[in-house]
Amino acid sequence: MNQDPLIIAGRTFHSRLWVGTGKYQNFEETRKAIEASGADVVTVAVRRVNITDNKSENLLDYLDPKKYTILPNTAGCYTVEDAVRYSRLARAAGVSDLVKLEVIGDERTLFPDTAGLIEAAKILIAEGFVVLPYT
């Protein structure tokens, strides 16, 4: 096993395992699975999981931000505009300037729109985001 840390944009990660937050029954089950995994990066689909509304149940109520890096992702975004909007929303909520960027090109296969991904990445990078493209 590689013991060297992974460094991205000056941030150090000790686990190569990054865990998503989809498909769990509730936030408590999500928390337990993430803890058991040993991961220190947690990806969150901004369109699907509440991380911005403090008035209702929020995933961030269950995860210690000192222990985990929350990596917002744009899963479910079919347009450049949506991907950029949800990235900005996550950053405005104080989540992160890191973003796992996805722009879906085909609704049936979920294959990426690579041209749209590049366009969205250029916009976000110009705004100071650290973009991790998903293809």
Protein backbone atom coordinates (compact mmCIF):
# COMPACT_ATOMS: atom_id res chain seq x y z
CA MET A 1 0.00 0.00 0.00
CA ASN A 2 1.26 3.48 -0.92
CA GLN A 3 1.90 5.58 2.19
CA ASP A 4 2.76 8.75 0.28
CA PRO A 5 0.09 11.43 0.67
CA LEU A 6 -1.88 12.63 -2.33
CA ILE A 7 -1.53 16.39 -2.75
CA ILE A 8 -3.96 18.38 -4.90
CA ALA A 9 -3.84 22.18 -4.98
CA GLY A 10 -1.91 22.27 -1.71
CA ARG A 11 -4.36 19.98 0.10
CA THR A 12 -3.00 16.74 1.52
CA PHE A 13 -5.01 13.53 1.48
CA HIS A 14 -3.87 10.35 3.21
CA SER A 15 -6.40 7.95 1.75
CA ARG A 16 -6.73 7.26 -1.96
CA LEU A 17 -10.31 6.10 -1.35
CA TRP A 18 -12.90 8.79 -1.97
CA VAL A 19 -16.45 7.95 -0.92
CA GLY A 20 -19.72 9.17 -2.40
CA THR A 21 -22.86 9.98 -0.44
CA GLY A 22 -25.52 8.56 -2.75
CA LYS A 23 -27.60 5.43 -2.29
CA TYR A 24 -27.74 5.44 1.51
CA GLN A 25 -31.05 5.30 3.37
CA ASN A 26 -30.33 8.35 5.53
CA PHE A 27 -27.56 10.69 6.68
CA GLU A 28 -26.74 8.57 9.76
CA GLU A 29 -26.11 5.51 7.60
CA THR A 30 -24.02 7.69 5.28
CA ARG A 31 -21.93 8.90 8.23
CA LYS A 32 -21.31 5.37 9.51
CA ALA A 33 -20.25 4.10 6.08
CA ILE A 34 -17.87 7.00 5.56
CA GLU A 35 -16.31 6.51 8.99
CA ALA A 36 -15.85 2.79 8.36
CA SER A 37 -14.23 3.45 4.97
CA GLY A 38 -11.26 5.40 6.29
CA ALA A 39 -11.68 7.91 3.47
CA ASP A 40 -10.89 11.56 4.05
CA VAL A 41 -12.64 12.88 0.92
CA VAL A 42 -16.42 12.69 0.61
CA THR A 43 -18.08 13.52 -2.71
CA VAL A 44 -21.53 15.09 -2.62
CA ALA A 45 -23.90 15.61 -5.55
CA VAL A 46 -24.97 19.21 -4.96
CA ARG A 47 -28.19 18.70 -6.98
CA ARG A 48 -29.28 15.72 -4.88
CA VAL A 49 -27.98 16.08 -1.33
CA ASN A 50 -28.71 19.00 0.97
CA ILE A 51 -25.50 20.74 1.98
CA THR A 52 -26.68 24.34 1.71
CA ASP A 53 -29.99 24.66 3.59
CA ASN A 54 -29.34 24.89 7.33
CA LYS A 55 -33.07 25.00 8.10
CA SER A 56 -33.61 21.36 7.14
CA GLU A 57 -31.66 18.15 7.68
CA ASN A 58 -28.23 18.68 6.20
CA LEU A 59 -25.48 16.14 5.46
CA LEU A 60 -22.91 18.51 6.95
CA ASP A 61 -24.64 18.11 10.33
CA TYR A 62 -23.37 14.51 10.28
CA LEU A 63 -19.81 14.97 9.03
CA ASP A 64 -16.96 16.70 10.83
CA PRO A 65 -15.49 19.23 8.38
CA LYS A 66 -12.16 19.02 10.23
CA LYS A 67 -12.00 15.28 9.53
CA TYR A 68 -13.30 15.18 5.94
CA THR A 69 -12.84 17.21 2.80
CA ILE A 70 -16.27 17.67 1.26
CA LEU A 71 -15.95 17.49 -2.52
CA PRO A 72 -19.04 18.89 -4.22
CA ASN A 73 -19.81 17.30 -7.56
CA THR A 74 -22.09 18.24 -10.40
CA ALA A 75 -23.59 14.79 -10.97
CA GLY A 76 -26.91 15.11 -12.73
CA CYS A 77 -25.99 18.28 -14.61
CA TYR A 78 -26.72 18.14 -18.35
CA THR A 79 -25.64 21.67 -19.26
CA VAL A 80 -22.60 23.86 -18.77
CA GLU A 81 -24.84 26.43 -17.09
CA ASP A 82 -26.15 23.93 -14.52
CA ALA A 83 -22.69 22.58 -13.73
CA VAL A 84 -21.32 26.08 -13.21
CA ARG A 85 -24.37 27.15 -11.16
CA TYR A 86 -24.14 24.18 -8.77
CA SER A 87 -20.39 24.61 -8.37
CA ARG A 88 -20.89 28.25 -7.46
CA LEU A 89 -23.70 27.33 -5.07
CA ALA A 90 -21.47 24.91 -3.18
CA ARG A 91 -18.67 27.45 -2.89
CA ALA A 92 -21.05 30.22 -1.82
CA ALA A 93 -22.31 27.89 0.93
CA GLY A 94 -18.73 27.64 2.18
CA VAL A 95 -18.29 24.02 1.18
CA SER A 96 -15.24 24.11 -1.09
CA ASP A 97 -13.55 25.59 -4.13
CA LEU A 98 -12.65 22.04 -5.14
CA VAL A 99 -15.24 20.57 -7.48
CA LYS A 100 -15.67 17.21 -9.17
CA LEU A 101 -17.03 18.50 -12.46
CA GLU A 102 -19.41 16.43 -14.56
CA VAL A 103 -21.53 17.45 -17.54
CA ILE A 104 -23.71 14.64 -18.87
CA GLY A 105 -24.07 14.41 -22.63
CA ASP A 106 -26.34 11.40 -23.10
CA GLU A 107 -29.36 10.82 -20.88
CA ARG A 108 -29.56 7.10 -21.63
CA THR A 109 -25.90 6.11 -21.23
CA LEU A 110 -24.84 9.01 -18.98
CA PHE A 111 -21.76 9.41 -21.16
CA PRO A 112 -20.12 12.80 -20.63
CA ASP A 113 -20.40 15.88 -22.81
CA THR A 114 -16.64 16.41 -23.03
CA ALA A 115 -16.92 19.69 -24.93
CA GLY A 116 -19.33 20.96 -22.27
CA LEU A 117 -17.02 19.70 -19.53
CA ILE A 118 -14.10 21.64 -21.00
CA GLU A 119 -16.22 24.78 -21.38
CA ALA A 120 -17.47 24.58 -17.78
CA ALA A 121 -13.95 23.87 -16.52
CA LYS A 122 -12.58 26.98 -18.24
CA ILE A 123 -15.25 29.14 -16.60
CA LEU A 124 -14.72 27.68 -13.14
CA ILE A 125 -10.92 27.74 -13.31
CA ALA A 126 -11.08 31.42 -14.29
CA GLU A 127 -13.15 31.95 -11.12
CA GLY A 128 -10.54 30.26 -8.93
CA PHE A 129 -12.04 26.78 -8.61
CA VAL A 130 -9.88 23.68 -8.49
CA VAL A 131 -11.56 21.45 -11.07
CA LEU A 132 -11.38 17.67 -10.99
CA PRO A 133 -12.98 16.66 -14.31
CA TYR A 134 -15.07 13.49 -14.47
CA THR A 135 -15.25 11.72 -17.81
